[in-house]
Amino acid sequence: MSTPRLKAGIFVRATIRRAQVAGASAFVVRKGAEEAGAIILKVARLDGTVLVLNQVRGAKGELVWAQPLGGWSDETRASDWCDRQVKFDPDLWILEIEDRQGRAFVDEEIV
């Protein structure tokens, strides 16, 4: 049995608040479906590098964050990837976090 999942809108707002409390900035780049839209996180270290994360199911069915670009990338490559994903999923959320330390502010594992 899988763990219940927060509604996308609630998750996004909570993540923004967590980032703000820790001294980082976070904002919605693209608003998706409030109830169940998929979420992409773009973590920008403000040095031109970005880490893109998207939620996937792990081997045991748990939610984890995957690095579809294989780790830190440049902004152009990250934006191009996100644009392609939006074409496949119009309900998609994109949340950008600006943090010099590169923190994602998620509890799930990043793989």
PDB file of N, CA and C in Angstrom:
ATOM      1  N   MET A   1       0.839  -1.176   0.000  1.00  0.00           N
ATOM      2  CA  MET A   1       0.000   0.000   0.000  1.00  0.00           C
ATOM      3  C   MET A   1       0.885   1.241   0.000  1.00  0.00           C
ATOM      4  N   SER A   2       0.580   2.198  -0.836  1.00  0.00           N
ATOM      5  CA  SER A   2       1.392   3.404  -0.924  1.00  0.00           C
ATOM      6  C   SER A   2       0.949   4.445   0.103  1.00  0.00           C
ATOM      7  N   THR A   3       1.864   5.326   0.431  1.00  0.00           N
ATOM      8  CA  THR A   3       1.595   6.400   1.385  1.00  0.00           C
ATOM      9  C   THR A   3       0.668   7.422   0.741  1.00  0.00           C
ATOM     10  N   PRO A   4      -0.313   7.935   1.482  1.00  0.00           N
ATOM     11  CA  PRO A   4      -1.185   8.972   0.920  1.00  0.00           C
ATOM     12  C   PRO A   4      -0.344  10.175   0.477  1.00  0.00           C
ATOM     13  N   ARG A   5      -0.778  10.807  -0.564  1.00  0.00           N
ATOM     14  CA  ARG A   5      -0.024  11.914  -1.144  1.00  0.00           C
ATOM     15  C   ARG A   5      -0.773  13.217  -0.920  1.00  0.00           C
ATOM     16  N   LEU A   6      -0.010  14.254  -0.576  1.00  0.00           N
ATOM     17  CA  LEU A   6      -0.594  15.590  -0.435  1.00  0.00           C
ATOM     18  C   LEU A   6      -1.083  16.095  -1.779  1.00  0.00           C
ATOM     19  N   LYS A   7      -2.102  16.911  -1.756  1.00  0.00           N
ATOM     20  CA  LYS A   7      -2.514  17.581  -2.989  1.00  0.00           C
ATOM     21  C   LYS A   7      -1.353  18.438  -3.455  1.00  0.00           C
ATOM     22  N   ALA A   8      -1.192  18.552  -4.757  1.00  0.00           N
ATOM     23  CA  ALA A   8      -0.053  19.267  -5.336  1.00  0.00           C
ATOM     24  C   ALA A   8       0.034  20.713  -4.845  1.00  0.00           C
ATOM     25  N   GLY A   9      -1.089  21.412  -4.832  1.00  0.00           N
ATOM     26  CA  GLY A   9      -1.086  22.809  -4.413  1.00  0.00           C
ATOM     27  C   GLY A   9      -0.622  22.989  -2.984  1.00  0.00           C
ATOM     28  N   ILE A  10      -1.048  22.093  -2.103  1.00  0.00           N
ATOM     29  CA  ILE A  10      -0.643  22.154  -0.694  1.00  0.00           C
ATOM     30  C   ILE A  10       0.856  21.888  -0.580  1.00  0.00           C
ATOM     31  N   PHE A  11       1.334  20.882  -1.294  1.00  0.00           N
ATOM     32  CA  PHE A  11       2.764  20.563  -1.261  1.00  0.00           C
ATOM     33  C   PHE A  11       3.594  21.759  -1.717  1.00  0.00           C
ATOM     34  N   VAL A  12       3.187  22.383  -2.816  1.00  0.00           N
ATOM     35  CA  VAL A  12       3.927  23.524  -3.359  1.00  0.00           C
ATOM     36  C   VAL A  12       3.964  24.672  -2.355  1.00  0.00           C
ATOM     37  N   ARG A  13       2.820  25.017  -1.784  1.00  0.00           N
ATOM     38  CA  ARG A  13       2.776  26.114  -0.813  1.00  0.00           C
ATOM     39  C   ARG A  13       3.614  25.806   0.429  1.00  0.00           C
ATOM     40  N   ALA A  14       3.582  24.560   0.883  1.00  0.00           N
ATOM     41  CA  ALA A  14       4.379  24.167   2.046  1.00  0.00           C
ATOM     42  C   ALA A  14       5.878  24.235   1.744  1.00  0.00           C
ATOM     43  N   THR A  15       6.270  23.831   0.553  1.00  0.00           N
ATOM     44  CA  THR A  15       7.680  23.872   0.173  1.00  0.00           C
ATOM     45  C   THR A  15       8.166  25.314   0.064  1.00  0.00           C
ATOM     46  N   ILE A  16       7.340  26.177  -0.490  1.00  0.00           N
ATOM     47  CA  ILE A  16       7.699  27.604  -0.566  1.00  0.00           C
ATOM     48  C   ILE A  16       7.920  28.149   0.844  1.00  0.00           C
ATOM     49  N   ARG A  17       7.029  27.806   1.748  1.00  0.00           N
ATOM     50  CA  ARG A  17       7.148  28.295   3.122  1.00  0.00           C
ATOM     51  C   ARG A  17       8.403  27.753   3.795  1.00  0.00           C
ATOM     52  N   ARG A  18       8.704  26.475   3.599  1.00  0.00           N
ATOM     53  CA  ARG A  18       9.927  25.880   4.177  1.00  0.00           C
ATOM     54  C   ARG A  18      11.167  26.600   3.670  1.00  0.00           C
ATOM     55  N   ALA A  19      11.186  26.897   2.387  1.00  0.00           N
ATOM     56  CA  ALA A  19      12.336  27.604   1.811  1.00  0.00           C
ATOM     57  C   ALA A  19      12.461  28.995   2.411  1.00  0.00           C
ATOM     58  N   GLN A  20      11.358  29.712   2.512  1.00  0.00           N
ATOM     59  CA  GLN A  20      11.384  31.071   3.058  1.00  0.00           C
ATOM     60  C   GLN A  20      11.866  31.082   4.504  1.00  0.00           C
ATOM     61  N   VAL A  21      11.389  30.152   5.316  1.00  0.00           N
ATOM     62  CA  VAL A  21      11.801  30.077   6.716  1.00  0.00           C
ATOM     63  C   VAL A  21      13.307  29.844   6.835  1.00  0.00           C
ATOM     64  N   ALA A  22      13.871  29.107   5.878  1.00  0.00           N
ATOM     65  CA  ALA A  22      15.302  28.807   5.892  1.00  0.00           C
ATOM     66  C   ALA A  22      16.137  29.899   5.223  1.00  0.00           C
ATOM     67  N   GLY A  23      15.496  30.977   4.755  1.00  0.00           N
ATOM     68  CA  GLY A  23      16.237  32.083   4.156  1.00  0.00           C
ATOM     69  C   GLY A  23      16.437  31.992   2.658  1.00  0.00           C
ATOM     70  N   ALA A  24      15.763  31.064   2.022  1.00  0.00           N
ATOM     71  CA  ALA A  24      15.853  30.920   0.564  1.00  0.00           C
ATOM     72  C   ALA A  24      14.599  31.537  -0.069  1.00  0.00           C
ATOM     73  N   SER A  25      14.594  31.606  -1.377  1.00  0.00           N
ATOM     74  CA  SER A  25      13.429  32.092  -2.114  1.00  0.00           C
ATOM     75  C   SER A  25      12.854  30.940  -2.927  1.00  0.00           C
ATOM     76  N   ALA A  26      11.536  30.929  -3.054  1.00  0.00           N
ATOM     77  CA  ALA A  26      10.884  29.915  -3.877  1.00  0.00           C
ATOM     78  C   ALA A  26       9.645  30.531  -4.486  1.00  0.00           C
ATOM     79  N   PHE A  27       9.369  30.156  -5.723  1.00  0.00           N
ATOM     80  CA  PHE A  27       8.207  30.708  -6.405  1.00  0.00           C
ATOM     81  C   PHE A  27       7.709  29.737  -7.467  1.00  0.00           C
ATOM     82  N   VAL A  28       6.434  29.867  -7.770  1.00  0.00           N
ATOM     83  CA  VAL A  28       5.802  29.017  -8.777  1.00  0.00           C
ATOM     84  C   VAL A  28       6.121  29.583 -10.154  1.00  0.00           C
ATOM     85  N   VAL A  29       6.775  28.784 -10.969  1.00  0.00           N
ATOM     86  CA  VAL A  29       7.072  29.156 -12.357  1.00  0.00           C
ATOM     87  C   VAL A  29       5.883  28.811 -13.239  1.00  0.00           C
ATOM     88  N   ARG A  30       5.246  27.676 -12.921  1.00  0.00           N
ATOM     89  CA  ARG A  30       4.080  27.233 -13.680  1.00  0.00           C
ATOM     90  C   ARG A  30       3.113  26.555 -12.729  1.00  0.00           C
ATOM     91  N   LYS A  31       1.876  27.027 -12.729  1.00  0.00           N
ATOM     92  CA  LYS A  31       0.848  26.452 -11.862  1.00  0.00           C
ATOM     93  C   LYS A  31       0.142  25.330 -12.602  1.00  0.00           C
ATOM     94  N   GLY A  32       0.076  24.185 -11.946  1.00  0.00           N
ATOM     95  CA  GLY A  32      -0.578  23.033 -12.531  1.00  0.00           C
ATOM     96  C   GLY A  32      -1.909  22.756 -11.863  1.00  0.00           C
ATOM     97  N   ALA A  33      -2.353  21.527 -11.963  1.00  0.00           N
ATOM     98  CA  ALA A  33      -3.621  21.120 -11.368  1.00  0.00           C
ATOM     99  C   ALA A  33      -3.496  21.115  -9.851  1.00  0.00           C
ATOM    100  N   GLU A  34      -4.415  21.781  -9.191  1.00  0.00           N
ATOM    101  CA  GLU A  34      -4.381  21.929  -7.731  1.00  0.00           C
ATOM    102  C   GLU A  34      -4.430  20.585  -7.010  1.00  0.00           C
ATOM    103  N   GLU A  35      -5.229  19.679  -7.501  1.00  0.00           N
ATOM    104  CA  GLU A  35      -5.445  18.414  -6.803  1.00  0.00           C
ATOM    105  C   GLU A  35      -4.307  17.412  -6.983  1.00  0.00           C
ATOM    106  N   ALA A  36      -3.886  17.187  -8.213  1.00  0.00           N
ATOM    107  CA  ALA A  36      -2.970  16.071  -8.443  1.00  0.00           C
ATOM    108  C   ALA A  36      -1.962  16.301  -9.553  1.00  0.00           C
ATOM    109  N   GLY A  37      -1.592  17.527  -9.818  1.00  0.00           N
ATOM    110  CA  GLY A  37      -0.593  17.774 -10.851  1.00  0.00           C
ATOM    111  C   GLY A  37       0.776  17.276 -10.421  1.00  0.00           C
ATOM    112  N   ALA A  38       1.545  16.800 -11.370  1.00  0.00           N
ATOM    113  CA  ALA A  38       2.922  16.402 -11.081  1.00  0.00           C
ATOM    114  C   ALA A  38       3.732  17.658 -10.757  1.00  0.00           C
ATOM    115  N   ILE A  39       4.840  17.468 -10.031  1.00  0.00           N
ATOM    116  CA  ILE A  39       5.645  18.610  -9.589  1.00  0.00           C
ATOM    117  C   ILE A  39       7.085  18.426 -10.024  1.00  0.00           C
ATOM    118  N   ILE A  40       7.637  19.482 -10.609  1.00  0.00           N
ATOM    119  CA  ILE A  40       9.060  19.543 -10.922  1.00  0.00           C
ATOM    120  C   ILE A  40       9.659  20.639 -10.060  1.00  0.00           C
ATOM    121  N   LEU A  41      10.778  20.333  -9.416  1.00  0.00           N
ATOM    122  CA  LEU A  41      11.518  21.336  -8.659  1.00  0.00           C
ATOM    123  C   LEU A  41      12.760  21.728  -9.444  1.00  0.00           C
ATOM    124  N   LYS A  42      12.995  23.035  -9.531  1.00  0.00           N
ATOM    125  CA  LYS A  42      14.241  23.539 -10.101  1.00  0.00           C
ATOM    126  C   LYS A  42      14.959  24.254  -8.964  1.00  0.00           C
ATOM    127  N   VAL A  43      16.084  23.699  -8.546  1.00  0.00           N
ATOM    128  CA  VAL A  43      16.855  24.283  -7.457  1.00  0.00           C
ATOM    129  C   VAL A  43      18.021  25.042  -8.089  1.00  0.00           C
ATOM    130  N   ALA A  44      18.001  26.370  -7.942  1.00  0.00           N
ATOM    131  CA  ALA A  44      19.041  27.221  -8.540  1.00  0.00           C
ATOM    132  C   ALA A  44      19.988  27.696  -7.450  1.00  0.00           C
ATOM    133  N   ARG A  45      21.299  27.481  -7.659  1.00  0.00           N
ATOM    134  CA  ARG A  45      22.293  27.942  -6.688  1.00  0.00           C
ATOM    135  C   ARG A  45      22.719  29.387  -6.934  1.00  0.00           C
ATOM    136  N   LEU A  46      22.097  30.032  -7.894  1.00  0.00           N
ATOM    137  CA  LEU A  46      22.388  31.434  -8.229  1.00  0.00           C
ATOM    138  C   LEU A  46      23.803  31.634  -8.766  1.00  0.00           C
ATOM    139  N   ASP A  47      24.389  30.571  -9.287  1.00  0.00           N
ATOM    140  CA  ASP A  47      25.694  30.664  -9.938  1.00  0.00           C
ATOM    141  C   ASP A  47      25.606  30.175 -11.384  1.00  0.00           C
ATOM    142  N   GLY A  48      24.363  30.045 -11.889  1.00  0.00           N
ATOM    143  CA  GLY A  48      24.149  29.558 -13.249  1.00  0.00           C
ATOM    144  C   GLY A  48      23.857  28.069 -13.325  1.00  0.00           C
ATOM    145  N   THR A  49      23.932  27.375 -12.181  1.00  0.00           N
ATOM    146  CA  THR A  49      23.652  25.946 -12.192  1.00  0.00           C
ATOM    147  C   THR A  49      22.302  25.666 -11.543  1.00  0.00           C
ATOM    148  N   VAL A  50      21.636  24.639 -12.060  1.00  0.00           N
ATOM    149  CA  VAL A  50      20.283  24.276 -11.621  1.00  0.00           C
ATOM    150  C   VAL A  50      20.214  22.756 -11.475  1.00  0.00           C
ATOM    151  N   LEU A  51      19.531  22.316 -10.424  1.00  0.00           N
ATOM    152  CA  LEU A  51      19.248  20.896 -10.247  1.00  0.00           C
ATOM    153  C   LEU A  51      17.759  20.701 -10.479  1.00  0.00           C
ATOM    154  N   VAL A  52      17.415  19.851 -11.428  1.00  0.00           N
ATOM    155  CA  VAL A  52      16.009  19.559 -11.726  1.00  0.00           C
ATOM    156  C   VAL A  52      15.648  18.251 -11.040  1.00  0.00           C
ATOM    157  N   LEU A  53      14.515  18.279 -10.329  1.00  0.00           N
ATOM    158  CA  LEU A  53      14.033  17.090  -9.633  1.00  0.00           C
ATOM    159  C   LEU A  53      12.577  16.847 -10.003  1.00  0.00           C
ATOM    160  N   ASN A  54      12.227  15.580 -10.209  1.00  0.00           N
ATOM    161  CA  ASN A  54      10.817  15.241 -10.408  1.00  0.00           C
ATOM    162  C   ASN A  54      10.483  14.014  -9.584  1.00  0.00           C
ATOM    163  N   GLN A  55       9.227  13.967  -9.102  1.00  0.00           N
ATOM    164  CA  GLN A  55       8.805  12.866  -8.251  1.00  0.00           C
ATOM    165  C   GLN A  55       8.544  11.612  -9.059  1.00  0.00           C
ATOM    166  N   VAL A  56       9.062  10.507  -8.551  1.00  0.00           N
ATOM    167  CA  VAL A  56       8.820   9.191  -9.144  1.00  0.00           C
ATOM    168  C   VAL A  56       8.613   8.193  -8.010  1.00  0.00           C
ATOM    169  N   ARG A  57       8.143   7.034  -8.331  1.00  0.00           N
ATOM    170  CA  ARG A  57       7.993   5.959  -7.345  1.00  0.00           C
ATOM    171  C   ARG A  57       9.285   5.149  -7.293  1.00  0.00           C
ATOM    172  N   GLY A  58       9.753   4.894  -6.079  1.00  0.00           N
ATOM    173  CA  GLY A  58      10.942   4.088  -5.875  1.00  0.00           C
ATOM    174  C   GLY A  58      10.631   2.608  -6.017  1.00  0.00           C
ATOM    175  N   ALA A  59      11.628   1.774  -5.753  1.00  0.00           N
ATOM    176  CA  ALA A  59      11.492   0.330  -5.908  1.00  0.00           C
ATOM    177  C   ALA A  59      10.414  -0.271  -5.011  1.00  0.00           C
ATOM    178  N   LYS A  60      10.194   0.338  -3.851  1.00  0.00           N
ATOM    179  CA  LYS A  60       9.196  -0.178  -2.909  1.00  0.00           C
ATOM    180  C   LYS A  60       7.882   0.599  -2.986  1.00  0.00           C
ATOM    181  N   GLY A  61       7.716   1.424  -4.004  1.00  0.00           N
ATOM    182  CA  GLY A  61       6.492   2.182  -4.175  1.00  0.00           C
ATOM    183  C   GLY A  61       6.479   3.528  -3.471  1.00  0.00           C
ATOM    184  N   GLU A  62       7.569   3.854  -2.787  1.00  0.00           N
ATOM    185  CA  GLU A  62       7.637   5.125  -2.080  1.00  0.00           C
ATOM    186  C   GLU A  62       7.980   6.266  -3.049  1.00  0.00           C
ATOM    187  N   LEU A  63       7.579   7.476  -2.671  1.00  0.00           N
ATOM    188  CA  LEU A  63       7.918   8.634  -3.499  1.00  0.00           C
ATOM    189  C   LEU A  63       9.365   9.035  -3.256  1.00  0.00           C
ATOM    190  N   VAL A  64      10.090   9.240  -4.337  1.00  0.00           N
ATOM    191  CA  VAL A  64      11.462   9.750  -4.284  1.00  0.00           C
ATOM    192  C   VAL A  64      11.595  10.835  -5.345  1.00  0.00           C
ATOM    193  N   TRP A  65      12.652  11.597  -5.260  1.00  0.00           N
ATOM    194  CA  TRP A  65      12.917  12.647  -6.244  1.00  0.00           C
ATOM    195  C   TRP A  65      14.052  12.188  -7.157  1.00  0.00           C
ATOM    196  N   ALA A  66      13.781  12.117  -8.445  1.00  0.00           N
ATOM    197  CA  ALA A  66      14.778  11.713  -9.437  1.00  0.00           C
ATOM    198  C   ALA A  66      15.446  12.949 -10.030  1.00  0.00           C
ATOM    199  N   GLN A  67      16.645  12.764 -10.534  1.00  0.00           N
ATOM    200  CA  GLN A  67      17.408  13.823 -11.194  1.00  0.00           C
ATOM    201  C   GLN A  67      17.445  13.515 -12.698  1.00  0.00           C
ATOM    202  N   PRO A  68      16.433  13.933 -13.436  1.00  0.00           N
ATOM    203  CA  PRO A  68      16.333  13.532 -14.842  1.00  0.00           C
ATOM    204  C   PRO A  68      17.478  14.018 -15.724  1.00  0.00           C
ATOM    205  N   LEU A  69      18.188  15.040 -15.295  1.00  0.00           N
ATOM    206  CA  LEU A  69      19.315  15.534 -16.086  1.00  0.00           C
ATOM    207  C   LEU A  69      20.644  15.025 -15.542  1.00  0.00           C
ATOM    208  N   GLY A  70      20.591  14.124 -14.574  1.00  0.00           N
ATOM    209  CA  GLY A  70      21.800  13.504 -14.054  1.00  0.00           C
ATOM    210  C   GLY A  70      22.576  14.368 -13.074  1.00  0.00           C
ATOM    211  N   GLY A  71      21.964  15.354 -12.501  1.00  0.00           N
ATOM    212  CA  GLY A  71      22.643  16.215 -11.526  1.00  0.00           C
ATOM    213  C   GLY A  71      22.551  17.678 -11.933  1.00  0.00           C
ATOM    214  N   TRP A  72      23.495  18.461 -11.456  1.00  0.00           N
ATOM    215  CA  TRP A  72      23.495  19.904 -11.719  1.00  0.00           C
ATOM    216  C   TRP A  72      23.727  20.176 -13.197  1.00  0.00           C
ATOM    217  N   SER A  73      22.993  21.144 -13.712  1.00  0.00           N
ATOM    218  CA  SER A  73      23.015  21.467 -15.133  1.00  0.00           C
ATOM    219  C   SER A  73      22.963  22.981 -15.296  1.00  0.00           C
ATOM    220  N   ASP A  74      23.058  23.442 -16.537  1.00  0.00           N
ATOM    221  CA  ASP A  74      22.910  24.878 -16.776  1.00  0.00           C
ATOM    222  C   ASP A  74      21.424  25.216 -16.942  1.00  0.00           C
ATOM    223  N   GLU A  75      21.092  26.472 -16.751  1.00  0.00           N
ATOM    224  CA  GLU A  75      19.693  26.931 -16.771  1.00  0.00           C
ATOM    225  C   GLU A  75      19.003  26.641 -18.101  1.00  0.00           C
ATOM    226  N   THR A  76      19.692  26.827 -19.203  1.00  0.00           N
ATOM    227  CA  THR A  76      19.089  26.603 -20.522  1.00  0.00           C
ATOM    228  C   THR A  76      18.655  25.153 -20.693  1.00  0.00           C
ATOM    229  N   ARG A  77      19.545  24.241 -20.356  1.00  0.00           N
ATOM    230  CA  ARG A  77      19.225  22.815 -20.483  1.00  0.00           C
ATOM    231  C   ARG A  77      18.053  22.451 -19.572  1.00  0.00           C
ATOM    232  N   ALA A  78      18.042  22.974 -18.356  1.00  0.00           N
ATOM    233  CA  ALA A  78      16.962  22.699 -17.402  1.00  0.00           C
ATOM    234  C   ALA A  78      15.627  23.239 -17.919  1.00  0.00           C
ATOM    235  N   SER A  79      15.633  24.461 -18.417  1.00  0.00           N
ATOM    236  CA  SER A  79      14.403  25.066 -18.933  1.00  0.00           C
ATOM    237  C   SER A  79      13.883  24.318 -20.153  1.00  0.00           C
ATOM    238  N   ASP A  80      14.768  23.910 -21.039  1.00  0.00           N
ATOM    239  CA  ASP A  80      14.359  23.137 -22.218  1.00  0.00           C
ATOM    240  C   ASP A  80      13.701  21.826 -21.802  1.00  0.00           C
ATOM    241  N   TRP A  81      14.279  21.150 -20.813  1.00  0.00           N
ATOM    242  CA  TRP A  81      13.712  19.888 -20.343  1.00  0.00           C
ATOM    243  C   TRP A  81      12.320  20.123 -19.758  1.00  0.00           C
ATOM    244  N   CYS A  82      12.186  21.150 -18.937  1.00  0.00           N
ATOM    245  CA  CYS A  82      10.892  21.465 -18.318  1.00  0.00           C
ATOM    246  C   CYS A  82       9.850  21.808 -19.383  1.00  0.00           C
ATOM    247  N   ASP A  83      10.227  22.566 -20.392  1.00  0.00           N
ATOM    248  CA  ASP A  83       9.305  22.916 -21.475  1.00  0.00           C
ATOM    249  C   ASP A  83       8.788  21.672 -22.189  1.00  0.00           C
ATOM    250  N   ARG A  84       9.667  20.697 -22.414  1.00  0.00           N
ATOM    251  CA  ARG A  84       9.251  19.445 -23.066  1.00  0.00           C
ATOM    252  C   ARG A  84       8.267  18.677 -22.183  1.00  0.00           C
ATOM    253  N   GLN A  85       8.488  18.692 -20.880  1.00  0.00           N
ATOM    254  CA  GLN A  85       7.601  17.976 -19.965  1.00  0.00           C
ATOM    255  C   GLN A  85       6.204  18.592 -19.944  1.00  0.00           C
ATOM    256  N   VAL A  86       6.125  19.913 -20.026  1.00  0.00           N
ATOM    257  CA  VAL A  86       4.836  20.609 -20.022  1.00  0.00           C
ATOM    258  C   VAL A  86       4.007  20.199 -21.243  1.00  0.00           C
ATOM    259  N   LYS A  87       4.655  19.946 -22.371  1.00  0.00           N
ATOM    260  CA  LYS A  87       3.941  19.514 -23.578  1.00  0.00           C
ATOM    261  C   LYS A  87       3.248  18.164 -23.350  1.00  0.00           C
ATOM    262  N   PHE A  88       3.870  17.295 -22.528  1.00  0.00           N
ATOM    263  CA  PHE A  88       3.296  15.976 -22.241  1.00  0.00           C
ATOM    264  C   PHE A  88       2.270  16.023 -21.126  1.00  0.00           C
ATOM    265  N   ASP A  89       2.434  16.956 -20.183  1.00  0.00           N
ATOM    266  CA  ASP A  89       1.572  17.008 -19.005  1.00  0.00           C
ATOM    267  C   ASP A  89       1.151  18.449 -18.727  1.00  0.00           C
ATOM    268  N   PRO A  90       0.010  18.873 -19.231  1.00  0.00           N
ATOM    269  CA  PRO A  90      -0.434  20.255 -19.033  1.00  0.00           C
ATOM    270  C   PRO A  90      -0.821  20.572 -17.587  1.00  0.00           C
ATOM    271  N   ASP A  91      -0.946  19.556 -16.717  1.00  0.00           N
ATOM    272  CA  ASP A  91      -1.284  19.773 -15.307  1.00  0.00           C
ATOM    273  C   ASP A  91      -0.045  19.945 -14.423  1.00  0.00           C
ATOM    274  N   LEU A  92       1.105  19.980 -15.026  1.00  0.00           N
ATOM    275  CA  LEU A  92       2.393  20.009 -14.337  1.00  0.00           C
ATOM    276  C   LEU A  92       2.655  21.322 -13.598  1.00  0.00           C
ATOM    277  N   TRP A  93       3.195  21.219 -12.393  1.00  0.00           N
ATOM    278  CA  TRP A  93       3.674  22.369 -11.620  1.00  0.00           C
ATOM    279  C   TRP A  93       5.187  22.464 -11.797  1.00  0.00           C
ATOM    280  N   ILE A  94       5.707  23.683 -11.851  1.00  0.00           N
ATOM    281  CA  ILE A  94       7.154  23.893 -11.801  1.00  0.00           C
ATOM    282  C   ILE A  94       7.411  24.894 -10.677  1.00  0.00           C
ATOM    283  N   LEU A  95       8.184  24.452  -9.696  1.00  0.00           N
ATOM    284  CA  LEU A  95       8.525  25.272  -8.546  1.00  0.00           C
ATOM    285  C   LEU A  95      10.022  25.529  -8.581  1.00  0.00           C
ATOM    286  N   GLU A  96      10.420  26.790  -8.568  1.00  0.00           N
ATOM    287  CA  GLU A  96      11.845  27.122  -8.553  1.00  0.00           C
ATOM    288  C   GLU A  96      12.245  27.601  -7.170  1.00  0.00           C
ATOM    289  N   ILE A  97      13.331  27.025  -6.688  1.00  0.00           N
ATOM    290  CA  ILE A  97      13.897  27.393  -5.399  1.00  0.00           C
ATOM    291  C   ILE A  97      15.254  28.016  -5.662  1.00  0.00           C
ATOM    292  N   GLU A  98      15.465  29.212  -5.120  1.00  0.00           N
ATOM    293  CA  GLU A  98      16.757  29.881  -5.251  1.00  0.00           C
ATOM    294  C   GLU A  98      17.456  29.818  -3.902  1.00  0.00           C
ATOM    295  N   ASP A  99      18.535  29.037  -3.857  1.00  0.00           N
ATOM    296  CA  ASP A  99      19.257  28.828  -2.612  1.00  0.00           C
ATOM    297  C   ASP A  99      20.727  28.587  -2.935  1.00  0.00           C
ATOM    298  N   ARG A 100      21.588  29.435  -2.437  1.00  0.00           N
ATOM    299  CA  ARG A 100      23.025  29.312  -2.726  1.00  0.00           C
ATOM    300  C   ARG A 100      23.599  27.973  -2.263  1.00  0.00           C
ATOM    301  N   GLN A 101      22.970  27.358  -1.265  1.00  0.00           N
ATOM    302  CA  GLN A 101      23.436  26.055  -0.770  1.00  0.00           C
ATOM    303  C   GLN A 101      22.876  24.887  -1.583  1.00  0.00           C
ATOM    304  N   GLY A 102      21.919  25.160  -2.460  1.00  0.00           N
ATOM    305  CA  GLY A 102      21.361  24.107  -3.308  1.00  0.00           C
ATOM    306  C   GLY A 102      20.421  23.160  -2.592  1.00  0.00           C
ATOM    307  N   ARG A 103      19.752  23.647  -1.559  1.00  0.00           N
ATOM    308  CA  ARG A 103      18.816  22.799  -0.811  1.00  0.00           C
ATOM    309  C   ARG A 103      17.482  22.699  -1.550  1.00  0.00           C
ATOM    310  N   ALA A 104      16.888  21.490  -1.511  1.00  0.00           N
ATOM    311  CA  ALA A 104      15.610  21.258  -2.204  1.00  0.00           C
ATOM    312  C   ALA A 104      14.408  21.372  -1.267  1.00  0.00           C
ATOM    313  N   PHE A 105      14.616  21.305   0.031  1.00  0.00           N
ATOM    314  CA  PHE A 105      13.537  21.427   1.022  1.00  0.00           C
ATOM    315  C   PHE A 105      12.456  20.364   0.870  1.00  0.00           C
ATOM    316  N   VAL A 106      12.875  19.138   0.570  1.00  0.00           N
ATOM    317  CA  VAL A 106      11.957  18.006   0.507  1.00  0.00           C
ATOM    318  C   VAL A 106      12.414  16.953   1.500  1.00  0.00           C
ATOM    319  N   ASP A 107      11.473  16.170   1.994  1.00  0.00           N
ATOM    320  CA  ASP A 107      11.798  15.113   2.963  1.00  0.00           C
ATOM    321  C   ASP A 107      12.138  13.791   2.278  1.00  0.00           C
ATOM    322  N   GLU A 108      11.593  13.580   1.100  1.00  0.00           N
ATOM    323  CA  GLU A 108      11.824  12.318   0.403  1.00  0.00           C
ATOM    324  C   GLU A 108      13.277  12.241  -0.099  1.00  0.00           C
ATOM    325  N   GLU A 109      13.706  11.011  -0.348  1.00  0.00           N
ATOM    326  CA  GLU A 109      15.062  10.780  -0.831  1.00  0.00           C
ATOM    327  C   GLU A 109      15.245  11.337  -2.249  1.00  0.00           C
ATOM    328  N   ILE A 110      16.446  11.874  -2.511  1.00  0.00           N
ATOM    329  CA  ILE A 110      16.815  12.318  -3.859  1.00  0.00           C
ATOM    330  C   ILE A 110      17.742  11.270  -4.437  1.00  0.00           C
ATOM    331  N   VAL A 111      17.315  10.677  -5.557  1.00  0.00           N
ATOM    332  CA  VAL A 111      18.102   9.574  -6.151  1.00  0.00           C
ATOM    333  C   VAL A 111      18.679   9.979  -7.497  1.00  0.00           C
TER     334      VAL A 111
END
